[in-house]
N, C-alpha and C. Protein backbone atom coordinates (compact mmCIF):
# COMPACT_ATOMS: atom_id res chain seq x y z
N UNK A 1 172.43 -1.80 28.93
CA UNK A 1 171.68 -1.48 27.73
C UNK A 1 172.05 -0.09 27.23
N UNK A 2 172.18 0.83 28.12
CA UNK A 2 172.53 2.22 27.76
C UNK A 2 173.91 2.25 27.12
N UNK A 3 174.82 1.46 27.61
CA UNK A 3 176.18 1.40 27.09
C UNK A 3 176.18 0.87 25.65
N UNK A 4 175.33 -0.09 25.41
CA UNK A 4 175.22 -0.66 24.08
C UNK A 4 174.65 0.37 23.11
N UNK A 5 173.71 1.15 23.51
CA UNK A 5 173.12 2.18 22.66
C UNK A 5 174.16 3.24 22.31
N UNK A 6 174.96 3.62 23.28
CA UNK A 6 176.01 4.62 23.04
C UNK A 6 177.02 4.07 22.03
N UNK A 7 177.41 2.81 22.20
CA UNK A 7 178.36 2.20 21.27
C UNK A 7 177.76 2.09 19.88
N UNK A 8 176.50 1.76 19.80
CA UNK A 8 175.84 1.71 18.49
C UNK A 8 175.81 3.09 17.84
N UNK A 9 175.55 4.11 18.63
CA UNK A 9 175.54 5.48 18.11
C UNK A 9 176.93 5.89 17.62
N UNK A 10 177.95 5.56 18.42
CA UNK A 10 179.33 5.90 18.03
C UNK A 10 179.70 5.16 16.75
N UNK A 11 179.34 3.89 16.65
CA UNK A 11 179.62 3.11 15.46
C UNK A 11 178.89 3.70 14.25
N UNK A 12 177.67 4.12 14.44
CA UNK A 12 176.91 4.73 13.35
C UNK A 12 177.54 6.03 12.89
N UNK A 13 177.97 6.85 13.84
CA UNK A 13 178.63 8.12 13.50
C UNK A 13 179.95 7.83 12.79
N UNK A 14 180.72 6.87 13.28
CA UNK A 14 181.99 6.52 12.66
C UNK A 14 181.77 6.03 11.23
N UNK A 15 180.75 5.21 11.04
CA UNK A 15 180.43 4.73 9.69
C UNK A 15 180.05 5.89 8.78
N UNK A 16 179.31 6.83 9.30
CA UNK A 16 178.92 8.01 8.52
C UNK A 16 180.13 8.85 8.15
N UNK A 17 181.07 8.99 9.10
CA UNK A 17 182.29 9.75 8.83
C UNK A 17 183.11 9.06 7.74
N UNK A 18 183.22 7.74 7.83
CA UNK A 18 183.97 7.00 6.82
C UNK A 18 183.32 7.17 5.45
N UNK A 19 182.00 7.07 5.40
CA UNK A 19 181.30 7.27 4.13
C UNK A 19 181.52 8.67 3.59
N UNK A 20 181.48 9.64 4.47
CA UNK A 20 181.72 11.03 4.08
C UNK A 20 183.12 11.20 3.52
N UNK A 21 184.12 10.62 4.18
CA UNK A 21 185.50 10.73 3.74
C UNK A 21 185.71 10.04 2.39
N UNK A 22 185.08 8.88 2.21
CA UNK A 22 185.19 8.18 0.93
C UNK A 22 184.57 9.03 -0.18
N UNK A 23 183.43 9.61 0.10
CA UNK A 23 182.78 10.47 -0.88
C UNK A 23 183.63 11.69 -1.21
N UNK A 24 184.23 12.29 -0.20
CA UNK A 24 185.10 13.44 -0.42
C UNK A 24 186.32 13.05 -1.25
N UNK A 25 186.87 11.88 -0.98
CA UNK A 25 188.04 11.41 -1.73
C UNK A 25 187.67 11.24 -3.21
N UNK A 26 186.54 10.62 -3.47
CA UNK A 26 186.11 10.44 -4.86
C UNK A 26 185.89 11.77 -5.56
N UNK A 27 185.29 12.70 -4.85
CA UNK A 27 185.05 14.02 -5.42
C UNK A 27 186.36 14.74 -5.72
N UNK A 28 187.32 14.65 -4.81
CA UNK A 28 188.62 15.28 -5.03
C UNK A 28 189.36 14.63 -6.20
N UNK A 29 189.27 13.31 -6.31
CA UNK A 29 189.90 12.62 -7.45
C UNK A 29 189.28 13.08 -8.76
N UNK A 30 187.97 13.22 -8.78
CA UNK A 30 187.29 13.66 -9.99
C UNK A 30 187.70 15.09 -10.35
N UNK A 31 187.81 15.95 -9.35
CA UNK A 31 188.24 17.33 -9.59
C UNK A 31 189.68 17.37 -10.10
N UNK A 32 190.55 16.57 -9.51
CA UNK A 32 191.96 16.53 -9.94
C UNK A 32 192.05 16.00 -11.37
N UNK A 33 191.28 14.98 -11.68
CA UNK A 33 191.28 14.42 -13.03
C UNK A 33 190.80 15.46 -14.04
N UNK A 34 189.74 16.19 -13.71
CA UNK A 34 189.21 17.21 -14.60
C UNK A 34 190.24 18.33 -14.80
N UNK A 35 190.93 18.72 -13.73
CA UNK A 35 191.95 19.76 -13.85
C UNK A 35 193.11 19.29 -14.72
N UNK A 36 193.53 18.04 -14.53
CA UNK A 36 194.63 17.50 -15.34
C UNK A 36 194.23 17.43 -16.81
N UNK A 37 193.03 17.00 -17.09
CA UNK A 37 192.55 16.94 -18.48
C UNK A 37 192.49 18.32 -19.10
N UNK A 38 192.10 19.33 -18.33
CA UNK A 38 192.06 20.70 -18.85
C UNK A 38 193.47 21.18 -19.19
N UNK A 39 194.43 20.87 -18.35
CA UNK A 39 195.82 21.25 -18.62
C UNK A 39 196.32 20.55 -19.88
N UNK A 40 196.03 19.28 -20.01
CA UNK A 40 196.47 18.53 -21.19
C UNK A 40 195.85 19.12 -22.46
N UNK A 41 194.58 19.48 -22.40
CA UNK A 41 193.94 20.09 -23.57
C UNK A 41 194.60 21.41 -23.94
N UNK A 42 194.95 22.21 -22.94
CA UNK A 42 195.60 23.50 -23.20
C UNK A 42 196.99 23.31 -23.79
N UNK A 43 197.68 22.24 -23.42
CA UNK A 43 199.02 21.99 -23.93
C UNK A 43 198.99 21.52 -25.37
N UNK A 44 197.83 21.17 -25.88
CA UNK A 44 197.65 20.72 -27.26
C UNK A 44 198.51 19.49 -27.55
N UNK A 45 198.47 18.54 -26.64
CA UNK A 45 199.20 17.29 -26.82
C UNK A 45 198.46 16.38 -27.78
N UNK A 46 199.20 15.51 -28.42
CA UNK A 46 198.58 14.55 -29.34
C UNK A 46 198.18 13.30 -28.57
N UNK A 47 197.22 12.60 -29.11
CA UNK A 47 196.81 11.34 -28.49
C UNK A 47 197.79 10.25 -28.90
N UNK A 48 197.75 9.15 -28.21
CA UNK A 48 198.62 8.01 -28.53
C UNK A 48 198.33 7.52 -29.94
N UNK A 49 197.05 7.50 -30.33
CA UNK A 49 196.68 7.04 -31.65
C UNK A 49 197.26 7.94 -32.74
N UNK A 50 197.17 9.26 -32.53
CA UNK A 50 197.73 10.20 -33.50
C UNK A 50 199.24 10.03 -33.61
N UNK A 51 199.90 9.85 -32.47
CA UNK A 51 201.34 9.65 -32.46
C UNK A 51 201.72 8.40 -33.23
N UNK A 52 200.99 7.31 -33.02
CA UNK A 52 201.30 6.06 -33.71
C UNK A 52 201.12 6.19 -35.22
N UNK A 53 200.10 6.93 -35.66
CA UNK A 53 199.88 7.13 -37.09
C UNK A 53 201.06 7.88 -37.70
N UNK A 54 201.48 8.96 -37.06
CA UNK A 54 202.60 9.75 -37.58
C UNK A 54 203.89 8.94 -37.54
N UNK A 55 204.06 8.15 -36.50
CA UNK A 55 205.25 7.30 -36.40
C UNK A 55 205.30 6.29 -37.56
N UNK A 56 204.16 5.71 -37.87
CA UNK A 56 204.09 4.76 -38.97
C UNK A 56 204.40 5.45 -40.31
N UNK A 57 203.87 6.65 -40.50
CA UNK A 57 204.16 7.41 -41.73
C UNK A 57 205.65 7.73 -41.83
N UNK A 58 206.26 8.11 -40.73
CA UNK A 58 207.70 8.40 -40.73
C UNK A 58 208.51 7.15 -41.05
N UNK A 59 208.11 6.03 -40.49
CA UNK A 59 208.81 4.77 -40.77
C UNK A 59 208.71 4.42 -42.25
N UNK A 60 207.54 4.56 -42.82
CA UNK A 60 207.37 4.28 -44.25
C UNK A 60 208.21 5.23 -45.10
N UNK A 61 208.25 6.50 -44.71
CA UNK A 61 209.05 7.48 -45.46
C UNK A 61 210.54 7.13 -45.38
N UNK A 62 211.02 6.70 -44.21
CA UNK A 62 212.42 6.28 -44.07
C UNK A 62 212.71 5.09 -44.97
N UNK A 63 211.81 4.11 -44.97
CA UNK A 63 212.01 2.93 -45.80
C UNK A 63 212.03 3.30 -47.28
N UNK A 64 211.14 4.17 -47.70
CA UNK A 64 211.10 4.62 -49.10
C UNK A 64 212.38 5.38 -49.44
N UNK A 65 212.84 6.21 -48.52
CA UNK A 65 214.07 6.96 -48.74
C UNK A 65 215.27 6.02 -48.90
N UNK A 66 215.34 5.00 -48.06
CA UNK A 66 216.43 4.02 -48.17
C UNK A 66 216.34 3.25 -49.49
N UNK A 67 215.13 2.89 -49.88
CA UNK A 67 214.94 2.17 -51.14
C UNK A 67 215.38 3.02 -52.33
N UNK A 68 214.97 4.27 -52.32
CA UNK A 68 215.34 5.17 -53.42
C UNK A 68 216.84 5.46 -53.42
N UNK A 69 217.45 5.60 -52.24
CA UNK A 69 218.89 5.83 -52.16
C UNK A 69 219.65 4.64 -52.73
N UNK A 70 219.19 3.43 -52.43
CA UNK A 70 219.84 2.24 -52.96
C UNK A 70 219.66 2.18 -54.48
N UNK A 71 218.51 2.55 -54.97
CA UNK A 71 218.25 2.54 -56.41
C UNK A 71 219.15 3.56 -57.12
N UNK A 72 219.26 4.74 -56.53
CA UNK A 72 220.14 5.77 -57.11
C UNK A 72 221.57 5.28 -57.13
N UNK A 73 222.02 4.69 -56.02
CA UNK A 73 223.38 4.18 -55.96
C UNK A 73 223.61 3.12 -57.02
N UNK A 74 222.64 2.25 -57.23
CA UNK A 74 222.76 1.20 -58.24
C UNK A 74 222.81 1.82 -59.64
N UNK A 75 221.97 2.80 -59.90
CA UNK A 75 221.96 3.45 -61.21
C UNK A 75 223.26 4.22 -61.45
N UNK A 76 223.75 4.88 -60.42
CA UNK A 76 225.01 5.63 -60.57
C UNK A 76 226.18 4.68 -60.77
N UNK A 77 226.10 3.50 -60.21
CA UNK A 77 227.17 2.53 -60.39
C UNK A 77 227.18 1.95 -61.80
N UNK A 78 226.07 1.94 -62.49
CA UNK A 78 225.96 1.37 -63.82
C UNK A 78 226.30 2.39 -64.90
N UNK A 79 226.11 3.66 -64.60
CA UNK A 79 226.35 4.70 -65.60
C UNK A 79 227.44 5.63 -65.10
N UNK A 80 228.30 6.12 -65.99
CA UNK A 80 229.31 7.09 -65.57
C UNK A 80 228.63 8.40 -65.22
N UNK A 81 229.27 9.19 -64.38
CA UNK A 81 228.69 10.50 -64.05
C UNK A 81 228.46 11.32 -65.32
N UNK A 82 227.51 12.18 -65.28
CA UNK A 82 227.06 12.93 -66.45
C UNK A 82 228.17 13.77 -67.08
N UNK A 83 229.03 14.41 -66.28
CA UNK A 83 230.06 15.28 -66.83
C UNK A 83 231.13 14.48 -67.59
N UNK A 84 231.33 13.20 -67.25
CA UNK A 84 232.29 12.38 -67.98
C UNK A 84 231.73 11.98 -69.34
N UNK A 85 230.46 11.78 -69.45
CA UNK A 85 229.82 11.39 -70.71
C UNK A 85 229.89 12.56 -71.70
N UNK A 86 229.67 13.76 -71.21
CA UNK A 86 229.62 14.94 -72.07
C UNK A 86 231.01 15.48 -72.36
N UNK A 87 232.04 14.91 -71.71
CA UNK A 87 233.39 15.38 -71.95
C UNK A 87 233.72 16.66 -71.24
N UNK A 88 233.01 16.95 -70.17
CA UNK A 88 233.26 18.18 -69.43
C UNK A 88 233.95 17.93 -68.11
N UNK A 89 234.59 16.78 -67.99
CA UNK A 89 235.25 16.47 -66.73
C UNK A 89 236.44 17.39 -66.55
N UNK A 90 236.72 17.82 -65.35
CA UNK A 90 237.84 18.73 -65.12
C UNK A 90 239.18 18.07 -65.33
């Protein structure tokens, strides 16, 4: 009976140690996460959402630029350059 009580006590202490270690691990993870978030805030990084918005704006600007370049090329192909019309060609 005494042996069983000692084993129960050891098991209880071991369970308490495991619970303590799990709690310490969670606390350390929370501290590490908070430290990492503080570093990220100091670096002034953009969020994924902000990046995607700017990326979409850049894509639209590229498309508009290509559209306008094609329009200019088409207009230039239909009309002679300005200096040839005015008779100032070299």
